[in-house]
C-alpha atoms as a PDB file:
ATOM      1  CA  MET A   1     -51.493 -24.244   7.151  1.00  0.00           C
ATOM      2  CA  PRO A   2     -48.870 -21.903   5.648  1.00  0.00           C
ATOM      3  CA  LEU A   3     -48.014 -23.732   2.772  1.00  0.00           C
ATOM      4  CA  GLU A   4     -51.398 -24.440   1.232  1.00  0.00           C
ATOM      5  CA  GLY A   5     -52.688 -22.332  -1.821  1.00  0.00           C
ATOM      6  CA  SER A   6     -50.965 -21.193  -5.028  1.00  0.00           C
ATOM      7  CA  ALA A   7     -47.190 -20.326  -4.971  1.00  0.00           C
ATOM      8  CA  ALA A   8     -47.691 -16.831  -4.951  1.00  0.00           C
ATOM      9  CA  ASP A   9     -49.790 -17.190  -1.985  1.00  0.00           C
ATOM     10  CA  VAL A  10     -46.666 -19.132  -0.166  1.00  0.00           C
ATOM     11  CA  ILE A  11     -44.577 -16.940  -1.155  1.00  0.00           C
ATOM     12  CA  TYR A  12     -46.632 -13.632  -0.103  1.00  0.00           C
ATOM     13  CA  ARG A  13     -47.322 -15.053   3.648  1.00  0.00           C
ATOM     14  CA  LEU A  14     -43.522 -16.072   3.871  1.00  0.00           C
ATOM     15  CA  GLN A  15     -42.265 -12.838   3.151  1.00  0.00           C
ATOM     16  CA  PHE A  16     -42.287 -11.389   6.422  1.00  0.00           C
ATOM     17  CA  PRO A  17     -41.338 -14.299   8.326  1.00  0.00           C
ATOM     18  CA  ILE A  18     -37.932 -14.812   6.183  1.00  0.00           C
ATOM     19  CA  HIS A  19     -37.158 -10.917   6.078  1.00  0.00           C
ATOM     20  CA  SER A  20     -37.385 -10.547   9.903  1.00  0.00           C
ATOM     21  CA  GLY A  21     -35.889 -13.387  10.660  1.00  0.00           C
ATOM     22  CA  GLN A  22     -38.796 -15.677  12.446  1.00  0.00           C
ATOM     23  CA  ILE A  23     -38.835 -18.429  10.635  1.00  0.00           C
ATOM     24  CA  LEU A  24     -35.547 -19.309  11.988  1.00  0.00           C
ATOM     25  CA  GLY A  25     -36.331 -18.077  15.473  1.00  0.00           C
ATOM     26  CA  LEU A  26     -34.052 -16.360  17.557  1.00  0.00           C
ATOM     27  CA  PRO A  27     -30.749 -17.462  15.294  1.00  0.00           C
ATOM     28  CA  GLY A  28     -32.921 -16.340  12.474  1.00  0.00           C
ATOM     29  CA  ARG A  29     -32.890 -12.626  13.921  1.00  0.00           C
ATOM     30  CA  ILE A  30     -29.767 -13.089  15.132  1.00  0.00           C
ATOM     31  CA  ILE A  31     -28.636 -13.420  11.216  1.00  0.00           C
ATOM     32  CA  VAL A  32     -30.934 -10.680  10.123  1.00  0.00           C
ATOM     33  CA  PHE A  33     -29.605  -8.497  12.761  1.00  0.00           C
ATOM     34  CA  LEU A  34     -26.158  -8.943  11.691  1.00  0.00           C
ATOM     35  CA  ALA A  35     -26.927  -8.221   8.082  1.00  0.00           C
ATOM     36  CA  GLY A  36     -28.278  -4.990   8.735  1.00  0.00           C
ATOM     37  CA  ILE A  37     -25.172  -4.204  10.871  1.00  0.00           C
ATOM     38  CA  VAL A  38     -22.731  -5.184   7.969  1.00  0.00           C
ATOM     39  CA  THR A  39     -24.679  -3.510   5.011  1.00  0.00           C
ATOM     40  CA  ALA A  40     -24.535  -0.383   7.252  1.00  0.00           C
ATOM     41  CA  VAL A  41     -20.972  -0.764   7.868  1.00  0.00           C
ATOM     42  CA  LEU A  42     -20.001  -1.632   4.569  1.00  0.00           C
ATOM     43  CA  SER A  43     -22.082   1.188   3.056  1.00  0.00           C
ATOM     44  CA  VAL A  44     -20.178   3.618   5.523  1.00  0.00           C
ATOM     45  CA  THR A  45     -16.666   2.393   4.957  1.00  0.00           C
ATOM     46  CA  GLY A  46     -16.890   2.330   1.292  1.00  0.00           C
ATOM     47  CA  VAL A  47     -17.477   6.266   1.466  1.00  0.00           C
ATOM     48  CA  VAL A  48     -14.432   6.655   3.546  1.00  0.00           C
ATOM     49  CA  ILE A  49     -12.422   4.390   1.714  1.00  0.00           C
ATOM     50  CA  TRP A  50     -13.217   6.787  -1.421  1.00  0.00           C
ATOM     51  CA  VAL A  51     -13.090  10.058   0.337  1.00  0.00           C
ATOM     52  CA  LEU A  52      -9.370   9.106   1.294  1.00  0.00           C
ATOM     53  CA  GLY A  53      -8.607   7.774  -1.967  1.00  0.00           C
ATOM     54  CA  VAL A  54      -9.663  11.161  -3.660  1.00  0.00           C
ATOM     55  CA  ARG A  55      -7.723  12.891  -1.360  1.00  0.00           C
ATOM     56  CA  ARG A  56      -5.011  11.138  -1.874  1.00  0.00           C
ATOM     57  CA  ARG A  57      -4.891  11.432  -5.348  1.00  0.00           C
ATOM     58  CA  ALA A  58      -4.833  15.609  -4.807  1.00  0.00           C
ATOM     59  CA  ARG A  59      -2.122  15.219  -2.562  1.00  0.00           C
ATOM     60  CA  GLN A  60      -0.013  13.224  -5.342  1.00  0.00           C
ATOM     61  CA  ARG A  61      -1.160  15.867  -8.148  1.00  0.00           C
ATOM     62  CA  GLU A  62      -0.131  18.782  -6.116  1.00  0.00           C
ATOM     63  CA  ARG A  63       3.225  17.390  -5.373  1.00  0.00           C
ATOM     64  CA  ASN A  64       3.810  16.246  -8.646  1.00  0.00           C
ATOM     65  CA  GLY A  65       2.660  19.984 -10.061  1.00  0.00           C
ATOM     66  CA  GLN A  66      -0.144  18.295 -12.319  1.00  0.00           C
ATOM     67  CA  ARG A  67      -2.675  20.040 -10.271  1.00  0.00           C
ATOM     68  CA  GLY A  68      -5.138  20.699 -13.387  1.00  0.00           C
ATOM     69  CA  GLU A  69      -4.604  17.608 -14.922  1.00  0.00           C
ATOM     70  CA  PRO A  70      -5.705  14.045 -14.019  1.00  0.00           C
ATOM     71  CA  ALA A  71      -3.709  11.607 -12.549  1.00  0.00           C
ATOM     72  CA  ALA A  72      -1.854   9.319 -14.675  1.00  0.00           C
ATOM     73  CA  GLY A  73      -4.185   6.158 -15.339  1.00  0.00           C
ATOM     74  CA  SER A  74      -7.048   7.564 -14.064  1.00  0.00           C
ATOM     75  CA  LEU A  75      -8.546   9.214 -17.173  1.00  0.00           C
ATOM     76  CA  PRO A  76      -6.720   7.746 -20.164  1.00  0.00           C
ATOM     77  CA  GLY A  77      -9.382   8.975 -22.847  1.00  0.00           C
ATOM     78  CA  ARG A  78      -8.856  12.691 -21.762  1.00  0.00           C
ATOM     79  CA  ARG A  79      -4.707  11.933 -21.593  1.00  0.00           C
ATOM     80  CA  LEU A  80      -4.984  10.416 -25.135  1.00  0.00           C
ATOM     81  CA  ALA A  81      -7.303  13.370 -26.784  1.00  0.00           C
ATOM     82  CA  ALA A  82      -4.987  15.949 -25.221  1.00  0.00           C
ATOM     83  CA  SER A  83      -2.181  14.512 -26.774  1.00  0.00           C
ATOM     84  CA  GLY A  84      -3.669  14.361 -30.400  1.00  0.00           C
ATOM     85  CA  THR A  85      -3.979  10.857 -30.694  1.00  0.00           C
ATOM     86  CA  SER A  86      -7.267   9.699 -32.016  1.00  0.00           C
ATOM     87  CA  LEU A  87      -8.888   6.376 -30.914  1.00  0.00           C
ATOM     88  CA  VAL A  88     -11.310   6.502 -33.797  1.00  0.00           C
ATOM     89  CA  ALA A  89     -10.181   4.743 -37.302  1.00  0.00           C
ATOM     90  CA  PRO A  90      -9.866   7.152 -40.462  1.00  0.00           C
ATOM     91  CA  PRO A  91     -12.889   7.028 -42.949  1.00  0.00           C
ATOM     92  CA  GLY A  92     -11.144   4.463 -45.124  1.00  0.00           C
ATOM     93  CA  GLY A  93     -11.506   1.836 -42.603  1.00  0.00           C
ATOM     94  CA  THR A  94      -7.918   1.192 -41.964  1.00  0.00           C
ATOM     95  CA  SER A  95      -5.115   3.156 -39.926  1.00  0.00           C
ATOM     96  CA  GLY A  96      -2.188   2.347 -42.876  1.00  0.00           C
ATOM     97  CA  GLY A  97      -0.984   4.800 -45.258  1.00  0.00           C
ATOM     98  CA  PRO A  98      -1.428   4.383 -48.991  1.00  0.00           C
END
């Protein structure tokens, strides 16, 4: 019987039937197949969306004449550092005057 033994034995014996879809018969195999297809499609579309975004931002920078600078909002830390604004408190611990 598949459910005899310790919990570790039961889990070990059920791993393949669960991951192959055998545990639910044909509907289980269809679910596992669709989950695999969805995973592959999401991986590919994620890369495509990322590449399109990179290209779009590059075109925007070229149109705005900011070829060597990051797009607005993309790297605020660099933009602040380049403008001379410090994000670290002064040694006294306060940002106020004397």
